[in-house]
C-alpha atoms as a PDB file:
ATOM      1  CA  MET A   1     -48.111 -41.035 -47.555  1.00  0.00           C
ATOM      2  CA  THR A   2     -47.535 -43.909 -45.175  1.00  0.00           C
ATOM      3  CA  SER A   3     -46.660 -42.778 -41.670  1.00  0.00           C
ATOM      4  CA  ARG A   4     -43.142 -43.470 -40.490  1.00  0.00           C
ATOM      5  CA  TYR A   5     -43.940 -42.433 -36.945  1.00  0.00           C
ATOM      6  CA  PRO A   6     -44.570 -45.310 -34.569  1.00  0.00           C
ATOM      7  CA  GLN A   7     -48.069 -45.295 -33.129  1.00  0.00           C
ATOM      8  CA  ALA A   8     -46.587 -44.969 -29.641  1.00  0.00           C
ATOM      9  CA  ARG A   9     -43.988 -42.229 -29.676  1.00  0.00           C
ATOM     10  CA  THR A  10     -42.149 -40.252 -27.017  1.00  0.00           C
ATOM     11  CA  VAL A  11     -40.984 -36.657 -26.794  1.00  0.00           C
ATOM     12  CA  VAL A  12     -38.305 -35.749 -24.259  1.00  0.00           C
ATOM     13  CA  LEU A  13     -38.348 -32.203 -22.878  1.00  0.00           C
ATOM     14  CA  THR A  14     -35.701 -30.549 -20.736  1.00  0.00           C
ATOM     15  CA  GLY A  15     -36.638 -27.771 -18.355  1.00  0.00           C
ATOM     16  CA  ALA A  16     -40.295 -28.750 -18.153  1.00  0.00           C
ATOM     17  CA  ALA A  17     -40.809 -28.736 -14.380  1.00  0.00           C
ATOM     18  CA  SER A  18     -41.402 -25.019 -13.740  1.00  0.00           C
ATOM     19  CA  PRO A  19     -45.158 -24.423 -13.324  1.00  0.00           C
ATOM     20  CA  ARG A  20     -45.049 -21.086 -15.190  1.00  0.00           C
ATOM     21  CA  GLY A  21     -42.490 -22.006 -17.808  1.00  0.00           C
ATOM     22  CA  ILE A  22     -42.665 -22.709 -21.517  1.00  0.00           C
ATOM     23  CA  GLY A  23     -41.484 -26.268 -20.848  1.00  0.00           C
ATOM     24  CA  GLN A  24     -44.426 -27.448 -18.781  1.00  0.00           C
ATOM     25  CA  ALA A  25     -46.935 -25.735 -21.062  1.00  0.00           C
ATOM     26  CA  THR A  26     -45.323 -27.481 -24.018  1.00  0.00           C
ATOM     27  CA  ALA A  27     -45.284 -30.848 -22.270  1.00  0.00           C
ATOM     28  CA  ASN A  28     -49.007 -30.556 -21.538  1.00  0.00           C
ATOM     29  CA  TYR A  29     -49.752 -29.382 -25.079  1.00  0.00           C
ATOM     30  CA  LEU A  30     -47.950 -32.362 -26.608  1.00  0.00           C
ATOM     31  CA  ALA A  31     -49.375 -34.886 -24.162  1.00  0.00           C
ATOM     32  CA  GLU A  32     -52.866 -33.681 -25.029  1.00  0.00           C
ATOM     33  CA  ARG A  33     -52.022 -34.559 -28.645  1.00  0.00           C
ATOM     34  CA  GLY A  34     -50.963 -38.106 -27.853  1.00  0.00           C
ATOM     35  CA  TRP A  35     -47.235 -37.832 -27.218  1.00  0.00           C
ATOM     36  CA  ASN A  36     -45.758 -39.850 -24.371  1.00  0.00           C
ATOM     37  CA  VAL A  37     -43.525 -37.534 -22.377  1.00  0.00           C
ATOM     38  CA  GLY A  38     -40.096 -37.729 -20.784  1.00  0.00           C
ATOM     39  CA  VAL A  39     -39.201 -34.829 -18.482  1.00  0.00           C
ATOM     40  CA  ILE A  40     -35.621 -33.925 -17.570  1.00  0.00           C
ATOM     41  CA  ASP A  41     -35.207 -31.067 -15.126  1.00  0.00           C
ATOM     42  CA  LEU A  42     -32.840 -30.135 -12.327  1.00  0.00           C
ATOM     43  CA  ASP A  43     -35.091 -31.254  -9.470  1.00  0.00           C
ATOM     44  CA  ASP A  44     -35.813 -34.989  -9.529  1.00  0.00           C
ATOM     45  CA  ALA A  45     -38.893 -34.804  -7.298  1.00  0.00           C
ATOM     46  CA  GLU A  46     -40.424 -31.975  -9.344  1.00  0.00           C
ATOM     47  CA  SER A  47     -39.688 -33.802 -12.598  1.00  0.00           C
ATOM     48  CA  LYS A  48     -41.422 -36.929 -11.310  1.00  0.00           C
ATOM     49  CA  ALA A  49     -44.405 -34.930 -10.012  1.00  0.00           C
ATOM     50  CA  VAL A  50     -44.865 -33.181 -13.370  1.00  0.00           C
ATOM     51  CA  ALA A  51     -44.650 -36.493 -15.216  1.00  0.00           C
ATOM     52  CA  GLN A  52     -47.199 -38.087 -12.893  1.00  0.00           C
ATOM     53  CA  ASN A  53     -49.591 -35.194 -13.401  1.00  0.00           C
ATOM     54  CA  ILE A  54     -49.201 -35.426 -17.191  1.00  0.00           C
ATOM     55  CA  ALA A  55     -49.923 -39.167 -17.141  1.00  0.00           C
ATOM     56  CA  GLU A  56     -52.994 -38.745 -14.935  1.00  0.00           C
ATOM     57  CA  THR A  57     -54.369 -35.741 -16.829  1.00  0.00           C
ATOM     58  CA  PHE A  58     -53.825 -36.832 -20.422  1.00  0.00           C
ATOM     59  CA  GLY A  59     -53.749 -40.623 -20.209  1.00  0.00           C
ATOM     60  CA  VAL A  60     -50.313 -40.989 -21.777  1.00  0.00           C
ATOM     61  CA  GLN A  61     -47.146 -42.527 -20.402  1.00  0.00           C
ATOM     62  CA  ALA A  62     -44.755 -40.087 -18.744  1.00  0.00           C
ATOM     63  CA  VAL A  63     -41.476 -40.358 -16.854  1.00  0.00           C
ATOM     64  CA  GLY A  64     -39.583 -37.625 -15.014  1.00  0.00           C
ATOM     65  CA  VAL A  65     -35.905 -37.720 -14.090  1.00  0.00           C
ATOM     66  CA  GLY A  66     -33.717 -35.135 -12.425  1.00  0.00           C
ATOM     67  CA  ALA A  67     -30.489 -34.078 -14.135  1.00  0.00           C
ATOM     68  CA  ASP A  68     -28.336 -30.988 -14.633  1.00  0.00           C
ATOM     69  CA  VAL A  69     -28.123 -30.586 -18.412  1.00  0.00           C
ATOM     70  CA  SER A  70     -24.595 -29.201 -18.096  1.00  0.00           C
ATOM     71  CA  ASP A  71     -23.505 -32.586 -16.672  1.00  0.00           C
ATOM     72  CA  GLU A  72     -23.109 -34.975 -19.606  1.00  0.00           C
ATOM     73  CA  ALA A  73     -23.039 -38.144 -17.496  1.00  0.00           C
ATOM     74  CA  ALA A  74     -26.216 -37.116 -15.663  1.00  0.00           C
ATOM     75  CA  VAL A  75     -27.948 -36.338 -18.964  1.00  0.00           C
ATOM     76  CA  CYS A  76     -27.075 -39.722 -20.433  1.00  0.00           C
ATOM     77  CA  ALA A  77     -28.205 -41.529 -17.294  1.00  0.00           C
ATOM     78  CA  ALA A  78     -31.536 -39.662 -17.286  1.00  0.00           C
ATOM     79  CA  PHE A  79     -32.072 -40.409 -20.955  1.00  0.00           C
ATOM     80  CA  ASP A  80     -31.342 -44.089 -20.346  1.00  0.00           C
ATOM     81  CA  VAL A  81     -34.046 -44.213 -17.667  1.00  0.00           C
ATOM     82  CA  ILE A  82     -36.603 -42.551 -19.938  1.00  0.00           C
ATOM     83  CA  GLU A  83     -35.815 -44.849 -22.860  1.00  0.00           C
ATOM     84  CA  SER A  84     -36.092 -47.933 -20.669  1.00  0.00           C
ATOM     85  CA  GLN A  85     -39.624 -47.007 -19.565  1.00  0.00           C
ATOM     86  CA  LEU A  86     -41.226 -45.252 -22.539  1.00  0.00           C
ATOM     87  CA  PRO A  87     -41.843 -45.995 -26.241  1.00  0.00           C
ATOM     88  CA  GLN A  88     -39.425 -44.925 -28.970  1.00  0.00           C
ATOM     89  CA  VAL A  89     -38.033 -41.413 -28.555  1.00  0.00           C
ATOM     90  CA  VAL A  90     -38.983 -39.602 -31.756  1.00  0.00           C
ATOM     91  CA  ALA A  91     -38.545 -35.996 -30.586  1.00  0.00           C
ATOM     92  CA  LEU A  92     -36.408 -33.893 -28.276  1.00  0.00           C
ATOM     93  CA  VAL A  93     -37.219 -30.363 -27.143  1.00  0.00           C
ATOM     94  CA  ASN A  94     -34.386 -28.447 -25.472  1.00  0.00           C
ATOM     95  CA  LEU A  95     -36.086 -25.933 -23.171  1.00  0.00           C
ATOM     96  CA  ALA A  96     -33.824 -25.857 -20.101  1.00  0.00           C
ATOM     97  CA  GLY A  97     -32.221 -22.464 -19.676  1.00  0.00           C
ATOM     98  CA  ILE A  98     -31.404 -19.648 -17.294  1.00  0.00           C
ATOM     99  CA  SER A  99     -31.594 -15.875 -17.616  1.00  0.00           C
ATOM    100  CA  SER A 100     -28.675 -13.518 -17.031  1.00  0.00           C
ATOM    101  CA  PRO A 101     -29.295  -9.774 -16.656  1.00  0.00           C
ATOM    102  CA  ASP A 102     -25.660  -8.875 -15.796  1.00  0.00           C
ATOM    103  CA  PRO A 103     -24.259  -6.037 -17.953  1.00  0.00           C
ATOM    104  CA  TYR A 104     -21.278  -7.062 -20.087  1.00  0.00           C
ATOM    105  CA  LEU A 105     -18.737  -4.925 -18.209  1.00  0.00           C
ATOM    106  CA  GLU A 106     -19.896  -6.484 -14.944  1.00  0.00           C
ATOM    107  CA  VAL A 107     -20.286 -10.122 -15.944  1.00  0.00           C
ATOM    108  CA  THR A 108     -17.917 -12.437 -14.077  1.00  0.00           C
ATOM    109  CA  SER A 109     -16.182 -15.478 -15.523  1.00  0.00           C
ATOM    110  CA  ASP A 110     -18.262 -17.674 -13.225  1.00  0.00           C
ATOM    111  CA  GLU A 111     -21.508 -16.134 -14.481  1.00  0.00           C
ATOM    112  CA  TRP A 112     -20.401 -16.367 -18.125  1.00  0.00           C
ATOM    113  CA  ASN A 113     -19.482 -20.033 -17.751  1.00  0.00           C
ATOM    114  CA  ARG A 114     -22.689 -20.829 -15.844  1.00  0.00           C
ATOM    115  CA  VAL A 115     -24.858 -19.403 -18.619  1.00  0.00           C
ATOM    116  CA  ILE A 116     -22.894 -20.988 -21.476  1.00  0.00           C
ATOM    117  CA  ASN A 117     -22.757 -24.363 -19.710  1.00  0.00           C
ATOM    118  CA  ILE A 118     -26.522 -24.556 -19.213  1.00  0.00           C
ATOM    119  CA  ASN A 119     -27.898 -22.667 -22.217  1.00  0.00           C
ATOM    120  CA  LEU A 120     -25.506 -23.972 -24.886  1.00  0.00           C
ATOM    121  CA  THR A 121     -23.375 -26.872 -23.670  1.00  0.00           C
ATOM    122  CA  GLY A 122     -26.447 -28.399 -22.030  1.00  0.00           C
ATOM    123  CA  VAL A 123     -28.277 -28.303 -25.372  1.00  0.00           C
ATOM    124  CA  HIS A 124     -25.303 -30.071 -26.941  1.00  0.00           C
ATOM    125  CA  HIS A 125     -25.244 -32.816 -24.293  1.00  0.00           C
ATOM    126  CA  VAL A 126     -28.937 -33.676 -24.598  1.00  0.00           C
ATOM    127  CA  THR A 127     -28.998 -33.306 -28.385  1.00  0.00           C
ATOM    128  CA  ARG A 128     -26.099 -35.673 -28.923  1.00  0.00           C
ATOM    129  CA  ARG A 129     -27.557 -38.327 -26.613  1.00  0.00           C
ATOM    130  CA  ALA A 130     -30.956 -38.098 -28.332  1.00  0.00           C
ATOM    131  CA  ALA A 131     -29.352 -38.115 -31.767  1.00  0.00           C
ATOM    132  CA  GLN A 132     -27.686 -41.453 -31.054  1.00  0.00           C
ATOM    133  CA  THR A 133     -31.121 -43.039 -30.710  1.00  0.00           C
ATOM    134  CA  MET A 134     -32.687 -41.148 -33.605  1.00  0.00           C
ATOM    135  CA  VAL A 135     -29.915 -42.022 -36.053  1.00  0.00           C
ATOM    136  CA  LYS A 136     -30.310 -45.676 -35.125  1.00  0.00           C
ATOM    137  CA  HIS A 137     -34.015 -45.500 -36.045  1.00  0.00           C
ATOM    138  CA  GLU A 138     -33.393 -43.131 -38.979  1.00  0.00           C
ATOM    139  CA  LEU A 139     -36.145 -40.910 -37.590  1.00  0.00           C
ATOM    140  CA  GLY A 140     -36.133 -37.916 -35.294  1.00  0.00           C
ATOM    141  CA  ARG A 141     -37.081 -34.330 -34.561  1.00  0.00           C
ATOM    142  CA  ILE A 142     -34.926 -32.013 -32.463  1.00  0.00           C
ATOM    143  CA  VAL A 143     -36.062 -28.521 -31.460  1.00  0.00           C
ATOM    144  CA  SER A 144     -34.006 -26.152 -29.308  1.00  0.00           C
ATOM    145  CA  LEU A 145     -34.998 -22.859 -27.767  1.00  0.00           C
ATOM    146  CA  SER A 146     -32.914 -19.902 -28.849  1.00  0.00           C
ATOM    147  CA  SER A 147     -34.104 -16.317 -28.311  1.00  0.00           C
ATOM    148  CA  VAL A 148     -34.761 -13.063 -30.101  1.00  0.00           C
ATOM    149  CA  SER A 149     -31.845 -11.847 -27.955  1.00  0.00           C
ATOM    150  CA  ALA A 150     -29.516 -13.947 -30.099  1.00  0.00           C
ATOM    151  CA  GLN A 151     -30.576 -12.070 -33.213  1.00  0.00           C
ATOM    152  CA  ARG A 152     -30.882  -8.558 -31.789  1.00  0.00           C
ATOM    153  CA  GLY A 153     -27.855  -8.652 -29.488  1.00  0.00           C
ATOM    154  CA  GLY A 154     -29.931  -8.486 -26.347  1.00  0.00           C
ATOM    155  CA  GLY A 155     -32.383  -5.668 -25.806  1.00  0.00           C
ATOM    156  CA  THR A 156     -34.340  -7.900 -23.447  1.00  0.00           C
ATOM    157  CA  TYR A 157     -34.146  -8.741 -19.737  1.00  0.00           C
ATOM    158  CA  SER A 158     -31.033 -10.894 -20.292  1.00  0.00           C
ATOM    159  CA  LYS A 159     -27.842  -9.498 -21.729  1.00  0.00           C
ATOM    160  CA  ALA A 160     -24.514 -10.520 -23.329  1.00  0.00           C
ATOM    161  CA  ALA A 161     -23.814 -13.974 -21.864  1.00  0.00           C
ATOM    162  CA  TYR A 162     -27.381 -15.104 -22.553  1.00  0.00           C
ATOM    163  CA  SER A 163     -27.400 -13.640 -26.060  1.00  0.00           C
ATOM    164  CA  ALA A 164     -24.103 -15.338 -26.897  1.00  0.00           C
ATOM    165  CA  ALA A 165     -25.328 -18.706 -25.649  1.00  0.00           C
ATOM    166  CA  LYS A 166     -28.612 -18.448 -27.536  1.00  0.00           C
ATOM    167  CA  ALA A 167     -26.770 -17.404 -30.720  1.00  0.00           C
ATOM    168  CA  GLY A 168     -24.647 -20.507 -30.251  1.00  0.00           C
ATOM    169  CA  VAL A 169     -27.839 -22.581 -30.183  1.00  0.00           C
ATOM    170  CA  ILE A 170     -28.705 -21.313 -33.676  1.00  0.00           C
ATOM    171  CA  GLY A 171     -25.250 -22.188 -34.988  1.00  0.00           C
ATOM    172  CA  LEU A 172     -25.355 -25.607 -33.341  1.00  0.00           C
ATOM    173  CA  THR A 173     -28.831 -26.216 -34.770  1.00  0.00           C
ATOM    174  CA  ARG A 174     -27.685 -25.540 -38.327  1.00  0.00           C
ATOM    175  CA  ALA A 175     -24.528 -27.625 -38.028  1.00  0.00           C
ATOM    176  CA  VAL A 176     -26.298 -30.607 -36.490  1.00  0.00           C
ATOM    177  CA  ALA A 177     -29.132 -30.334 -39.031  1.00  0.00           C
ATOM    178  CA  ARG A 178     -26.547 -30.619 -41.796  1.00  0.00           C
ATOM    179  CA  GLU A 179     -24.893 -33.674 -40.246  1.00  0.00           C
ATOM    180  CA  LEU A 180     -28.030 -35.544 -39.200  1.00  0.00           C
ATOM    181  CA  GLY A 181     -30.157 -34.847 -42.281  1.00  0.00           C
ATOM    182  CA  PRO A 182     -28.944 -37.951 -44.124  1.00  0.00           C
ATOM    183  CA  PHE A 183     -30.182 -40.034 -41.181  1.00  0.00           C
ATOM    184  CA  GLY A 184     -33.765 -38.747 -41.326  1.00  0.00           C
ATOM    185  CA  VAL A 185     -33.386 -36.385 -38.372  1.00  0.00           C
ATOM    186  CA  THR A 186     -34.501 -32.752 -38.576  1.00  0.00           C
ATOM    187  CA  VAL A 187     -33.030 -30.108 -36.275  1.00  0.00           C
ATOM    188  CA  ASN A 188     -34.619 -26.691 -35.773  1.00  0.00           C
ATOM    189  CA  ALA A 189     -34.644 -23.786 -33.349  1.00  0.00           C
ATOM    190  CA  ILE A 190     -37.338 -21.485 -32.030  1.00  0.00           C
ATOM    191  CA  ALA A 191     -36.488 -17.890 -31.125  1.00  0.00           C
ATOM    192  CA  PRO A 192     -39.171 -16.544 -28.792  1.00  0.00           C
ATOM    193  CA  GLY A 193     -39.629 -12.875 -28.110  1.00  0.00           C
ATOM    194  CA  PRO A 194     -40.938 -11.729 -24.724  1.00  0.00           C
ATOM    195  CA  ILE A 195     -43.061 -14.516 -23.236  1.00  0.00           C
ATOM    196  CA  ASN A 196     -45.103 -14.255 -20.057  1.00  0.00           C
ATOM    197  CA  THR A 197     -42.939 -16.503 -17.853  1.00  0.00           C
ATOM    198  CA  ASP A 198     -40.824 -16.068 -14.736  1.00  0.00           C
ATOM    199  CA  ILE A 199     -37.566 -16.184 -16.721  1.00  0.00           C
ATOM    200  CA  MET A 200     -38.385 -12.640 -17.793  1.00  0.00           C
ATOM    201  CA  GLY A 201     -37.343 -11.506 -14.314  1.00  0.00           C
ATOM    202  CA  GLY A 202     -40.425 -12.429 -12.340  1.00  0.00           C
ATOM    203  CA  PRO A 203     -44.158 -12.067 -12.971  1.00  0.00           C
ATOM    204  CA  LEU A 204     -44.879  -9.298 -15.448  1.00  0.00           C
ATOM    205  CA  THR A 205     -47.048  -6.331 -14.492  1.00  0.00           C
ATOM    206  CA  GLU A 206     -49.533  -5.043 -17.049  1.00  0.00           C
ATOM    207  CA  GLU A 207     -47.395  -1.925 -17.455  1.00  0.00           C
ATOM    208  CA  ARG A 208     -44.278  -3.984 -18.166  1.00  0.00           C
ATOM    209  CA  LYS A 209     -46.167  -6.214 -20.590  1.00  0.00           C
ATOM    210  CA  ALA A 210     -47.362  -3.162 -22.529  1.00  0.00           C
ATOM    211  CA  ARG A 211     -43.858  -1.707 -22.674  1.00  0.00           C
ATOM    212  CA  MET A 212     -42.385  -4.978 -23.969  1.00  0.00           C
ATOM    213  CA  ALA A 213     -45.181  -5.451 -26.503  1.00  0.00           C
ATOM    214  CA  SER A 214     -44.635  -1.974 -27.921  1.00  0.00           C
ATOM    215  CA  ASP A 215     -41.393  -3.134 -29.597  1.00  0.00           C
ATOM    216  CA  GLY A 216     -43.246  -5.691 -31.737  1.00  0.00           C
ATOM    217  CA  VAL A 217     -46.057  -5.348 -34.251  1.00  0.00           C
ATOM    218  CA  LEU A 218     -48.721  -7.153 -32.204  1.00  0.00           C
ATOM    219  CA  ASN A 219     -50.367  -5.509 -29.240  1.00  0.00           C
ATOM    220  CA  ARG A 220     -49.335  -8.140 -26.712  1.00  0.00           C
ATOM    221  CA  ILE A 221     -46.467 -10.259 -25.469  1.00  0.00           C
ATOM    222  CA  GLY A 222     -46.384 -13.990 -26.034  1.00  0.00           C
ATOM    223  CA  GLU A 223     -47.817 -16.748 -23.898  1.00  0.00           C
ATOM    224  CA  PRO A 224     -46.229 -20.193 -23.376  1.00  0.00           C
ATOM    225  CA  ILE A 225     -48.856 -21.784 -25.634  1.00  0.00           C
ATOM    226  CA  ASP A 226     -47.566 -19.689 -28.547  1.00  0.00           C
ATOM    227  CA  VAL A 227     -44.232 -21.473 -28.289  1.00  0.00           C
ATOM    228  CA  ALA A 228     -45.828 -24.842 -27.515  1.00  0.00           C
ATOM    229  CA  ALA A 229     -47.812 -24.710 -30.771  1.00  0.00           C
ATOM    230  CA  ALA A 230     -44.644 -23.952 -32.738  1.00  0.00           C
ATOM    231  CA  VAL A 231     -42.871 -26.886 -31.101  1.00  0.00           C
ATOM    232  CA  SER A 232     -45.808 -29.144 -31.903  1.00  0.00           C
ATOM    233  CA  TYR A 233     -45.507 -28.319 -35.589  1.00  0.00           C
ATOM    234  CA  LEU A 234     -41.735 -28.707 -35.780  1.00  0.00           C
ATOM    235  CA  ILE A 235     -41.783 -32.159 -34.156  1.00  0.00           C
ATOM    236  CA  SER A 236     -44.739 -33.332 -36.242  1.00  0.00           C
ATOM    237  CA  GLU A 237     -44.379 -35.771 -39.086  1.00  0.00           C
ATOM    238  CA  ASP A 238     -45.667 -33.078 -41.452  1.00  0.00           C
ATOM    239  CA  ALA A 239     -42.589 -30.927 -40.714  1.00  0.00           C
ATOM    240  CA  GLY A 240     -40.238 -33.484 -42.240  1.00  0.00           C
ATOM    241  CA  PHE A 241     -38.920 -31.076 -44.902  1.00  0.00           C
ATOM    242  CA  VAL A 242     -38.091 -28.294 -42.449  1.00  0.00           C
ATOM    243  CA  THR A 243     -34.578 -28.390 -40.993  1.00  0.00           C
ATOM    244  CA  GLY A 244     -31.829 -25.989 -40.002  1.00  0.00           C
ATOM    245  CA  HIS A 245     -34.499 -23.330 -39.521  1.00  0.00           C
ATOM    246  CA  THR A 246     -34.979 -20.767 -36.759  1.00  0.00           C
ATOM    247  CA  LEU A 247     -38.662 -20.000 -36.281  1.00  0.00           C
ATOM    248  CA  ASN A 248     -39.286 -16.597 -34.727  1.00  0.00           C
ATOM    249  CA  VAL A 249     -42.200 -16.628 -32.280  1.00  0.00           C
ATOM    250  CA  ASP A 250     -41.821 -13.023 -31.263  1.00  0.00           C
ATOM    251  CA  GLY A 251     -44.800 -10.940 -32.351  1.00  0.00           C
ATOM    252  CA  GLY A 252     -42.749  -9.368 -35.108  1.00  0.00           C
ATOM    253  CA  LEU A 253     -40.064  -8.066 -32.756  1.00  0.00           C
ATOM    254  CA  TYR A 254     -37.279  -9.191 -35.067  1.00  0.00           C
ATOM    255  CA  MET A 255     -37.746  -9.203 -38.823  1.00  0.00           C
ATOM    256  CA  HIS A 256     -35.111 -10.142 -41.380  1.00  0.00           C
END
């Protein structure tokens, strides 16, 4: 089959500046496999530093821009900068997100809105801006991070507001997949289980890791590379017949 992917292609990742996060691990993983990388994160200086390190380490082009994903105008401006400096954007990976451990009976309106605005509305803002480009080229891959919390109703470090937002990501993924399919754009979600990152409430002790792993069927919790490999598949050309899907990367924690 003749490749439809341009030889020089770009993936844009949100939330890729944190040194211990899934985002940066995924950015490195994709850059190592030849993707040019656009980084959008809250801190402009950190985003630029991560992009520079990716370019120097992997020999690809990379651009970092600071933007709050809950601010639509800032998202569009950041995307414009990336598109002006990098090859065609073929893939988007929505990784920006925040945790929220507040119990439901204690969650404030401000906290609820903060979590929804970043974890769900932010995904919408970036997805729609990326989709405009992808539809024009009739080619694109969009992957958004949901969570096992969306499917199990919590049961993890984060609680109701987070679970609701991440469930919304799954619904948004399916709806957008349905609308963008005719334009050659696939849209999928990944639902990680417990992953060894700081969003789990800080560095994990061995005791806490063992306790979290005991809920699944594998004798460990996940590492960022586990999610990065899943992203790499879903944005690959070979995944062109997979859309509207939520891929569980959770060690068997949630089974249908």
